N, C-alpha and C. Protein backbone atom coordinates (compact mmCIF):
# COMPACT_ATOMS: atom_id res chain seq x y z
N MET A 1 117.70 132.46 -47.55
CA MET A 1 116.89 132.41 -46.34
C MET A 1 116.29 131.05 -46.17
N ILE A 2 116.40 130.54 -44.97
CA ILE A 2 115.88 129.19 -44.59
C ILE A 2 114.40 129.28 -44.47
N GLU A 3 113.65 128.38 -45.05
CA GLU A 3 112.21 128.40 -44.86
C GLU A 3 111.86 127.98 -43.47
N GLU A 4 110.81 128.69 -42.94
CA GLU A 4 110.42 128.41 -41.64
C GLU A 4 109.76 127.02 -41.54
N GLN A 5 109.99 126.34 -40.36
CA GLN A 5 109.49 125.08 -40.12
C GLN A 5 108.20 125.16 -39.27
N VAL A 6 107.20 124.26 -39.53
CA VAL A 6 106.00 124.28 -38.65
C VAL A 6 106.12 123.05 -37.82
N ILE A 7 105.42 122.94 -36.73
CA ILE A 7 105.43 121.87 -35.85
C ILE A 7 104.24 120.93 -36.21
N LEU A 8 104.57 119.73 -36.61
CA LEU A 8 103.59 118.74 -36.92
C LEU A 8 103.06 118.13 -35.63
N VAL A 9 101.72 117.96 -35.57
CA VAL A 9 101.17 117.46 -34.27
C VAL A 9 100.06 116.41 -34.62
N ASN A 10 99.72 115.65 -33.59
CA ASN A 10 98.59 114.76 -33.77
C ASN A 10 97.35 115.51 -33.21
N GLU A 11 96.22 114.85 -33.21
CA GLU A 11 94.97 115.51 -32.77
C GLU A 11 94.97 115.86 -31.29
N LYS A 12 95.93 115.30 -30.54
CA LYS A 12 96.07 115.70 -29.07
C LYS A 12 97.04 116.77 -28.87
N ASP A 13 97.52 117.40 -29.95
CA ASP A 13 98.53 118.47 -29.91
C ASP A 13 99.87 117.99 -29.40
N GLU A 14 100.15 116.77 -29.68
CA GLU A 14 101.51 116.22 -29.27
C GLU A 14 102.37 116.35 -30.50
N GLN A 15 103.59 116.93 -30.30
CA GLN A 15 104.53 117.14 -31.46
C GLN A 15 104.97 115.84 -32.01
N ILE A 16 104.96 115.70 -33.30
CA ILE A 16 105.37 114.43 -33.94
C ILE A 16 106.44 114.68 -35.01
N GLY A 17 106.82 115.96 -35.18
CA GLY A 17 107.91 116.26 -36.14
C GLY A 17 107.88 117.72 -36.54
N LEU A 18 108.77 118.01 -37.49
CA LEU A 18 108.84 119.34 -38.07
C LEU A 18 108.82 119.19 -39.62
N MET A 19 108.32 120.25 -40.32
CA MET A 19 108.26 120.24 -41.75
C MET A 19 108.33 121.70 -42.25
N PRO A 20 108.97 121.90 -43.39
CA PRO A 20 108.96 123.30 -43.96
C PRO A 20 107.47 123.69 -44.17
N LYS A 21 107.29 124.96 -43.95
CA LYS A 21 105.93 125.56 -43.90
C LYS A 21 105.20 125.31 -45.26
N MET A 22 105.84 125.54 -46.36
CA MET A 22 105.10 125.40 -47.65
C MET A 22 104.83 123.91 -47.96
N GLU A 23 105.71 123.03 -47.60
CA GLU A 23 105.47 121.61 -47.76
C GLU A 23 104.30 121.15 -46.95
N ALA A 24 104.15 121.61 -45.69
CA ALA A 24 103.05 121.26 -44.84
C ALA A 24 101.69 121.77 -45.45
N HIS A 25 101.75 123.00 -46.12
CA HIS A 25 100.54 123.48 -46.70
C HIS A 25 100.21 122.79 -48.07
N GLU A 26 101.29 122.34 -48.74
CA GLU A 26 101.09 121.60 -50.02
C GLU A 26 100.48 120.21 -49.74
N LYS A 27 100.92 119.55 -48.61
CA LYS A 27 100.56 118.16 -48.25
C LYS A 27 99.34 118.13 -47.34
N ALA A 28 98.90 119.33 -46.88
CA ALA A 28 97.70 119.36 -45.94
C ALA A 28 97.98 118.58 -44.65
N VAL A 29 99.20 118.69 -44.11
CA VAL A 29 99.61 117.99 -42.89
C VAL A 29 99.17 118.83 -41.66
N LEU A 30 98.62 118.13 -40.65
CA LEU A 30 98.21 118.81 -39.44
C LEU A 30 99.37 119.41 -38.74
N HIS A 31 99.31 120.67 -38.41
CA HIS A 31 100.40 121.42 -37.75
C HIS A 31 99.82 122.43 -36.75
N ARG A 32 100.68 122.87 -35.82
CA ARG A 32 100.26 123.79 -34.78
C ARG A 32 100.27 125.19 -35.27
N ALA A 33 99.27 125.94 -34.87
CA ALA A 33 99.18 127.33 -35.27
C ALA A 33 98.49 128.15 -34.14
N PHE A 34 98.36 129.47 -34.29
CA PHE A 34 97.72 130.25 -33.33
C PHE A 34 97.04 131.50 -33.99
N SER A 35 95.95 131.91 -33.31
CA SER A 35 95.22 133.15 -33.76
C SER A 35 95.08 134.04 -32.55
N VAL A 36 95.55 135.29 -32.66
CA VAL A 36 95.43 136.28 -31.60
C VAL A 36 94.37 137.29 -31.86
N PHE A 37 93.58 137.55 -30.85
CA PHE A 37 92.47 138.51 -30.84
C PHE A 37 92.77 139.58 -29.79
N VAL A 38 93.03 140.84 -30.25
CA VAL A 38 93.35 141.90 -29.30
C VAL A 38 92.22 142.88 -29.31
N PHE A 39 91.77 143.24 -28.12
CA PHE A 39 90.67 144.19 -27.91
C PHE A 39 91.18 145.49 -27.26
N ASN A 40 90.46 146.59 -27.50
CA ASN A 40 90.78 147.85 -26.79
C ASN A 40 89.79 148.04 -25.65
N ASN A 41 89.90 149.16 -25.00
CA ASN A 41 89.05 149.38 -23.81
C ASN A 41 87.67 149.85 -24.25
N LYS A 42 87.35 149.91 -25.46
CA LYS A 42 86.02 150.21 -26.00
C LYS A 42 85.35 148.88 -26.40
N ASN A 43 86.00 147.76 -26.06
CA ASN A 43 85.49 146.48 -26.39
C ASN A 43 85.42 146.17 -27.84
N GLN A 44 86.38 146.85 -28.59
CA GLN A 44 86.46 146.56 -30.05
C GLN A 44 87.66 145.68 -30.34
N LEU A 45 87.43 144.81 -31.39
CA LEU A 45 88.48 143.95 -31.79
C LEU A 45 89.33 144.63 -32.85
N MET A 46 90.70 144.46 -32.76
CA MET A 46 91.53 144.96 -33.85
C MET A 46 91.65 143.93 -34.91
N LEU A 47 91.18 144.20 -36.05
CA LEU A 47 91.32 143.31 -37.26
C LEU A 47 92.42 143.81 -38.15
N GLN A 48 93.05 142.86 -38.83
CA GLN A 48 94.03 143.23 -39.78
C GLN A 48 93.53 142.73 -41.17
N GLN A 49 93.90 143.50 -42.18
CA GLN A 49 93.76 143.07 -43.58
C GLN A 49 95.11 142.55 -44.02
N ARG A 50 95.15 141.30 -44.48
CA ARG A 50 96.37 140.68 -44.85
C ARG A 50 96.99 141.40 -46.12
N ALA A 51 98.32 141.51 -46.13
CA ALA A 51 98.97 142.18 -47.18
C ALA A 51 98.65 141.53 -48.61
N ALA A 52 98.80 142.30 -49.65
CA ALA A 52 98.41 141.87 -51.02
C ALA A 52 99.31 140.78 -51.49
N ASP A 53 100.52 140.65 -51.01
CA ASP A 53 101.41 139.57 -51.57
C ASP A 53 101.59 138.35 -50.65
N LYS A 54 100.59 138.16 -49.68
CA LYS A 54 100.61 136.94 -48.89
C LYS A 54 100.29 135.78 -49.76
N TYR A 55 100.92 134.65 -49.45
CA TYR A 55 100.80 133.45 -50.41
C TYR A 55 99.42 132.76 -50.39
N HIS A 56 98.62 133.09 -49.36
CA HIS A 56 97.16 132.81 -49.47
C HIS A 56 96.32 133.83 -48.71
N SER A 57 95.10 133.92 -49.04
CA SER A 57 94.19 134.88 -48.43
C SER A 57 94.65 136.31 -48.49
N PRO A 58 95.22 136.81 -49.58
CA PRO A 58 95.66 138.18 -49.59
C PRO A 58 94.50 139.15 -49.57
N LEU A 59 94.77 140.25 -48.90
CA LEU A 59 93.76 141.32 -48.76
C LEU A 59 92.47 140.93 -48.00
N LEU A 60 92.42 139.81 -47.40
CA LEU A 60 91.21 139.45 -46.67
C LEU A 60 91.39 139.91 -45.20
N TRP A 61 90.30 140.13 -44.54
CA TRP A 61 90.29 140.56 -43.19
C TRP A 61 90.28 139.41 -42.25
N THR A 62 91.01 139.55 -41.11
CA THR A 62 91.13 138.50 -40.18
C THR A 62 91.40 139.02 -38.76
N ASN A 63 91.67 138.18 -37.86
CA ASN A 63 92.00 138.51 -36.47
C ASN A 63 93.32 139.33 -36.39
N THR A 64 93.60 139.81 -35.25
CA THR A 64 94.73 140.74 -35.09
C THR A 64 96.06 140.22 -35.68
N CYS A 65 96.34 138.97 -35.38
CA CYS A 65 97.50 138.33 -36.08
C CYS A 65 97.39 136.82 -35.85
N CYS A 66 98.11 136.11 -36.66
CA CYS A 66 98.16 134.66 -36.64
C CYS A 66 99.40 134.15 -37.23
N SER A 67 99.74 132.96 -36.87
CA SER A 67 101.01 132.36 -37.48
C SER A 67 101.19 130.96 -36.96
N HIS A 68 102.46 130.55 -36.93
CA HIS A 68 102.85 129.27 -36.47
C HIS A 68 103.88 129.35 -35.38
N GLN A 69 103.75 128.50 -34.38
CA GLN A 69 104.73 128.46 -33.36
C GLN A 69 106.10 127.89 -33.90
N ARG A 70 107.17 128.34 -33.31
CA ARG A 70 108.46 127.74 -33.67
C ARG A 70 108.77 126.63 -32.71
N ASN A 71 109.64 125.72 -33.13
CA ASN A 71 110.03 124.62 -32.29
C ASN A 71 110.60 125.10 -30.94
N GLY A 72 110.01 124.66 -29.88
CA GLY A 72 110.44 125.02 -28.47
C GLY A 72 109.83 126.29 -27.94
N GLU A 73 108.92 126.91 -28.71
CA GLU A 73 108.28 128.19 -28.36
C GLU A 73 106.91 127.85 -27.80
N THR A 74 106.53 128.48 -26.69
CA THR A 74 105.16 128.30 -26.21
C THR A 74 104.18 129.09 -27.03
N ASN A 75 102.89 128.80 -26.88
CA ASN A 75 101.88 129.49 -27.66
C ASN A 75 101.90 131.00 -27.31
N ILE A 76 102.02 131.31 -26.05
CA ILE A 76 102.02 132.72 -25.65
C ILE A 76 103.25 133.44 -26.24
N GLU A 77 104.43 132.85 -26.15
CA GLU A 77 105.61 133.41 -26.71
C GLU A 77 105.46 133.68 -28.18
N ALA A 78 104.95 132.67 -28.87
CA ALA A 78 104.68 132.80 -30.37
C ALA A 78 103.73 133.95 -30.61
N GLY A 79 102.63 134.02 -29.89
CA GLY A 79 101.66 135.07 -30.12
C GLY A 79 102.26 136.47 -29.93
N LYS A 80 103.04 136.64 -28.88
CA LYS A 80 103.69 137.91 -28.62
C LYS A 80 104.72 138.23 -29.69
N ARG A 81 105.46 137.27 -30.16
CA ARG A 81 106.48 137.50 -31.22
C ARG A 81 105.77 138.01 -32.45
N ARG A 82 104.69 137.30 -32.81
CA ARG A 82 104.03 137.66 -34.03
C ARG A 82 103.29 139.02 -33.99
N LEU A 83 102.74 139.28 -32.83
CA LEU A 83 102.13 140.61 -32.64
C LEU A 83 103.22 141.70 -32.90
N GLN A 84 104.39 141.54 -32.36
CA GLN A 84 105.40 142.54 -32.54
C GLN A 84 105.84 142.57 -34.02
N GLU A 85 106.01 141.41 -34.64
CA GLU A 85 106.42 141.42 -36.10
C GLU A 85 105.39 141.94 -37.04
N GLU A 86 104.05 141.63 -36.78
CA GLU A 86 103.06 142.12 -37.72
C GLU A 86 102.47 143.47 -37.35
N MET A 87 102.21 143.74 -36.07
CA MET A 87 101.43 144.87 -35.67
C MET A 87 102.23 145.90 -34.94
N GLY A 88 103.49 145.55 -34.55
CA GLY A 88 104.36 146.54 -33.91
C GLY A 88 104.12 146.82 -32.50
N PHE A 89 103.46 145.90 -31.75
CA PHE A 89 103.33 146.03 -30.31
C PHE A 89 103.24 144.71 -29.68
N VAL A 90 103.32 144.63 -28.37
CA VAL A 90 103.15 143.39 -27.60
C VAL A 90 102.21 143.64 -26.44
N CYS A 91 101.38 142.71 -26.08
CA CYS A 91 100.55 142.85 -24.89
C CYS A 91 100.43 141.51 -24.21
N GLU A 92 99.89 141.44 -23.06
CA GLU A 92 99.76 140.15 -22.41
C GLU A 92 98.63 139.38 -23.15
N LEU A 93 98.87 138.08 -23.21
CA LEU A 93 97.93 137.21 -23.92
C LEU A 93 97.42 136.06 -22.97
N GLU A 94 96.17 135.64 -23.20
CA GLU A 94 95.63 134.55 -22.45
C GLU A 94 95.07 133.52 -23.48
N GLU A 95 95.43 132.25 -23.28
CA GLU A 95 94.94 131.23 -24.19
C GLU A 95 93.60 130.81 -23.83
N LYS A 96 92.65 130.74 -24.74
CA LYS A 96 91.29 130.50 -24.48
C LYS A 96 90.78 129.11 -24.85
N THR A 97 91.17 128.65 -26.02
CA THR A 97 90.73 127.32 -26.46
C THR A 97 91.64 126.95 -27.68
N SER A 98 91.36 125.76 -28.25
CA SER A 98 92.06 125.42 -29.52
C SER A 98 91.08 124.47 -30.27
N PHE A 99 91.29 124.35 -31.56
CA PHE A 99 90.50 123.56 -32.40
C PHE A 99 91.25 123.15 -33.65
N ILE A 100 90.76 122.12 -34.34
CA ILE A 100 91.36 121.71 -35.64
C ILE A 100 90.44 122.10 -36.79
N TYR A 101 91.04 122.64 -37.81
CA TYR A 101 90.32 122.92 -39.03
C TYR A 101 91.13 122.60 -40.22
N LYS A 102 90.43 122.43 -41.35
CA LYS A 102 91.08 122.21 -42.61
C LYS A 102 90.38 123.05 -43.69
N ALA A 103 91.19 123.87 -44.38
CA ALA A 103 90.66 124.78 -45.32
C ALA A 103 91.48 124.78 -46.56
N PRO A 104 91.02 124.29 -47.74
CA PRO A 104 91.74 124.30 -49.04
C PRO A 104 91.60 125.71 -49.62
N PHE A 105 92.63 126.16 -50.36
CA PHE A 105 92.69 127.44 -51.02
C PHE A 105 92.78 127.28 -52.56
N ASP A 106 92.41 128.28 -53.25
CA ASP A 106 92.40 128.27 -54.70
C ASP A 106 93.77 127.97 -55.34
N ASN A 107 94.82 128.32 -54.61
CA ASN A 107 96.18 128.15 -55.10
C ASN A 107 96.77 126.77 -54.92
N GLY A 108 95.91 125.82 -54.51
CA GLY A 108 96.34 124.45 -54.27
C GLY A 108 96.89 124.13 -52.85
N LEU A 109 97.04 125.14 -52.05
CA LEU A 109 97.52 124.95 -50.62
C LEU A 109 96.35 124.67 -49.79
N THR A 110 96.66 124.03 -48.69
CA THR A 110 95.60 123.75 -47.66
C THR A 110 96.10 124.06 -46.28
N GLU A 111 95.34 124.74 -45.51
CA GLU A 111 95.60 124.97 -44.07
C GLU A 111 94.97 123.80 -43.35
N HIS A 112 95.77 123.07 -42.62
CA HIS A 112 95.21 121.95 -41.75
C HIS A 112 95.90 122.17 -40.39
N GLU A 113 95.24 122.91 -39.55
CA GLU A 113 95.90 123.39 -38.33
C GLU A 113 95.16 123.02 -37.09
N LEU A 114 95.97 122.87 -36.00
CA LEU A 114 95.45 122.82 -34.68
C LEU A 114 95.73 124.21 -34.16
N ASP A 115 94.70 125.07 -34.12
CA ASP A 115 94.76 126.51 -33.91
C ASP A 115 94.44 126.82 -32.48
N HIS A 116 95.44 127.50 -31.84
CA HIS A 116 95.24 127.97 -30.45
C HIS A 116 94.75 129.44 -30.42
N ILE A 117 93.64 129.69 -29.80
CA ILE A 117 93.05 131.01 -29.83
C ILE A 117 93.56 131.74 -28.51
N MET A 118 94.10 132.96 -28.70
CA MET A 118 94.56 133.76 -27.59
C MET A 118 93.95 135.16 -27.67
N VAL A 119 93.68 135.74 -26.49
CA VAL A 119 93.04 137.07 -26.39
C VAL A 119 93.96 137.98 -25.56
N GLY A 120 94.02 139.22 -25.98
CA GLY A 120 94.78 140.23 -25.24
C GLY A 120 94.12 141.57 -25.34
N TYR A 121 94.68 142.55 -24.65
CA TYR A 121 94.10 143.91 -24.59
C TYR A 121 95.24 144.94 -24.86
N TYR A 122 94.92 145.94 -25.66
CA TYR A 122 95.88 146.95 -26.10
C TYR A 122 95.10 148.19 -26.47
N ASN A 123 95.52 149.42 -25.90
CA ASN A 123 94.85 150.63 -26.31
C ASN A 123 95.59 151.51 -27.19
N GLY A 124 96.78 151.21 -27.52
CA GLY A 124 97.62 152.07 -28.32
C GLY A 124 97.31 151.88 -29.86
N LYS A 125 98.11 152.59 -30.65
CA LYS A 125 97.90 152.48 -32.06
C LYS A 125 98.99 151.54 -32.69
N PRO A 126 98.63 150.51 -33.50
CA PRO A 126 99.66 149.62 -33.99
C PRO A 126 100.58 150.29 -35.00
N LYS A 127 101.75 149.74 -35.15
CA LYS A 127 102.67 150.18 -36.16
C LYS A 127 102.85 149.10 -37.13
N ILE A 128 101.96 148.94 -38.09
CA ILE A 128 101.85 147.76 -38.95
C ILE A 128 103.05 147.56 -39.88
N ASN A 129 103.47 146.26 -40.04
CA ASN A 129 104.47 145.86 -40.94
C ASN A 129 103.86 145.66 -42.31
N ARG A 130 104.19 146.54 -43.26
CA ARG A 130 103.53 146.57 -44.58
C ARG A 130 103.77 145.31 -45.37
N GLU A 131 104.82 144.51 -45.02
CA GLU A 131 105.04 143.26 -45.72
C GLU A 131 104.06 142.19 -45.32
N GLU A 132 103.43 142.41 -44.14
CA GLU A 132 102.53 141.41 -43.62
C GLU A 132 101.07 141.96 -43.57
N VAL A 133 100.92 143.27 -43.42
CA VAL A 133 99.56 143.77 -43.09
C VAL A 133 99.26 144.93 -44.06
N GLU A 134 98.16 144.92 -44.72
CA GLU A 134 97.76 146.01 -45.59
C GLU A 134 97.13 147.16 -44.81
N SER A 135 96.25 146.81 -43.84
CA SER A 135 95.56 147.82 -43.15
C SER A 135 95.02 147.18 -41.80
N TYR A 136 94.40 148.00 -40.95
CA TYR A 136 93.73 147.53 -39.77
C TYR A 136 92.52 148.37 -39.47
N LYS A 137 91.63 147.82 -38.58
CA LYS A 137 90.49 148.60 -38.16
C LYS A 137 89.96 147.91 -36.91
N PHE A 138 89.09 148.68 -36.22
CA PHE A 138 88.49 148.20 -34.98
C PHE A 138 87.00 148.02 -35.18
N MET A 139 86.46 146.84 -34.74
CA MET A 139 85.04 146.60 -34.78
C MET A 139 84.65 145.83 -33.54
N THR A 140 83.38 145.97 -33.11
CA THR A 140 82.93 145.13 -32.01
C THR A 140 82.73 143.73 -32.57
N VAL A 141 82.68 142.73 -31.67
CA VAL A 141 82.50 141.37 -32.20
C VAL A 141 81.11 141.22 -32.82
N GLU A 142 80.12 141.97 -32.34
CA GLU A 142 78.76 141.94 -32.90
C GLU A 142 78.81 142.52 -34.32
N GLU A 143 79.54 143.61 -34.56
CA GLU A 143 79.68 144.18 -35.88
C GLU A 143 80.37 143.22 -36.84
N VAL A 144 81.42 142.52 -36.36
CA VAL A 144 82.17 141.55 -37.14
C VAL A 144 81.23 140.43 -37.53
N LYS A 145 80.49 139.91 -36.62
CA LYS A 145 79.56 138.80 -36.85
C LYS A 145 78.55 139.20 -37.94
N GLU A 146 77.96 140.39 -37.82
CA GLU A 146 77.04 140.85 -38.87
C GLU A 146 77.73 140.99 -40.21
N ASP A 147 78.93 141.52 -40.22
CA ASP A 147 79.62 141.78 -41.42
C ASP A 147 80.01 140.44 -42.14
N ILE A 148 80.42 139.43 -41.35
CA ILE A 148 80.70 138.13 -41.91
C ILE A 148 79.46 137.55 -42.60
N ASP A 149 78.28 137.73 -42.00
CA ASP A 149 77.05 137.23 -42.56
C ASP A 149 76.79 137.99 -43.87
N LEU A 150 77.06 139.25 -43.96
CA LEU A 150 76.79 140.08 -45.16
C LEU A 150 77.86 139.88 -46.28
N LYS A 151 79.14 139.81 -45.86
CA LYS A 151 80.26 139.75 -46.85
C LYS A 151 81.26 138.65 -46.40
N PRO A 152 80.88 137.41 -46.47
CA PRO A 152 81.83 136.32 -46.02
C PRO A 152 83.09 136.28 -46.85
N GLU A 153 83.04 136.71 -48.12
CA GLU A 153 84.19 136.59 -49.01
C GLU A 153 85.33 137.48 -48.68
N ILE A 154 85.10 138.47 -47.80
CA ILE A 154 86.21 139.45 -47.44
C ILE A 154 86.97 138.97 -46.17
N TYR A 155 86.64 137.80 -45.61
CA TYR A 155 87.26 137.32 -44.39
C TYR A 155 87.97 136.00 -44.61
N THR A 156 89.02 135.77 -43.83
CA THR A 156 89.79 134.52 -44.00
C THR A 156 88.88 133.36 -43.52
N GLU A 157 89.24 132.14 -43.98
CA GLU A 157 88.48 130.94 -43.64
C GLU A 157 88.52 130.67 -42.10
N TRP A 158 89.72 130.66 -41.52
CA TRP A 158 89.83 130.40 -40.07
C TRP A 158 89.14 131.46 -39.24
N PHE A 159 89.12 132.65 -39.67
CA PHE A 159 88.42 133.67 -38.92
C PHE A 159 86.90 133.41 -38.87
N LYS A 160 86.38 133.03 -40.01
CA LYS A 160 84.98 132.69 -40.05
C LYS A 160 84.59 131.45 -39.23
N ILE A 161 85.51 130.48 -39.22
CA ILE A 161 85.28 129.30 -38.44
C ILE A 161 85.29 129.63 -36.94
N ILE A 162 86.25 130.46 -36.53
CA ILE A 162 86.35 130.87 -35.12
C ILE A 162 85.07 131.63 -34.70
N PHE A 163 84.58 132.54 -35.62
CA PHE A 163 83.39 133.32 -35.22
C PHE A 163 82.16 132.38 -35.16
N GLU A 164 82.10 131.38 -36.00
CA GLU A 164 80.97 130.49 -35.99
C GLU A 164 80.93 129.54 -34.83
N LYS A 165 82.12 128.96 -34.48
CA LYS A 165 82.19 127.88 -33.54
C LYS A 165 82.68 128.35 -32.13
N PHE A 166 83.43 129.41 -32.08
CA PHE A 166 84.09 129.73 -30.75
C PHE A 166 83.87 131.22 -30.38
N TYR A 167 82.71 131.75 -30.83
CA TYR A 167 82.29 133.08 -30.51
C TYR A 167 82.30 133.34 -28.98
N ASP A 168 81.84 132.42 -28.20
CA ASP A 168 81.78 132.63 -26.73
C ASP A 168 83.18 132.82 -26.08
N PHE A 169 84.16 132.22 -26.77
CA PHE A 169 85.48 132.33 -26.20
C PHE A 169 86.12 133.68 -26.42
N ILE A 170 85.70 134.45 -27.47
CA ILE A 170 86.36 135.69 -27.82
C ILE A 170 85.49 136.89 -27.48
N LYS A 171 84.14 136.73 -27.33
CA LYS A 171 83.29 137.89 -27.04
C LYS A 171 83.61 138.39 -25.65
N GLN A 172 83.53 139.66 -25.45
CA GLN A 172 83.90 140.26 -24.15
C GLN A 172 82.74 140.57 -23.31
């Protein structure tokens, strides 16, 4: 199996190359990524718990899905593709904002991403991919914010950053 490539970018989100995903995380090179937040009609956010065998942040809670765009793929196309792959459904997405973060992990890898935040709406039940997702649940953004304050260790780093800095872009 060929390792997936990530899109290397500068701070203006201009593509400057491609690199194998693991190499980019080993070298902490800035690359393009996205985070999708899906809400239901009760104004609850669908959270996922990452699968136990993920190479970083296993079993931590995070946004509905996230990943890396493929070369030539728009942010929206990438978000819809990954929603289908991880959660088993697709919905319309709207891009809200983007930001750069850098988060080192205990395993020696580092996420250094220009992360595009997208929001969508879906009222069905997901059909989770067990290789990617351990579980899912629905919470209001207020409940999530309170829970992050109480138990920050059960959430991914990028999710906590988004809630701290970009709360206004995702609250409904």
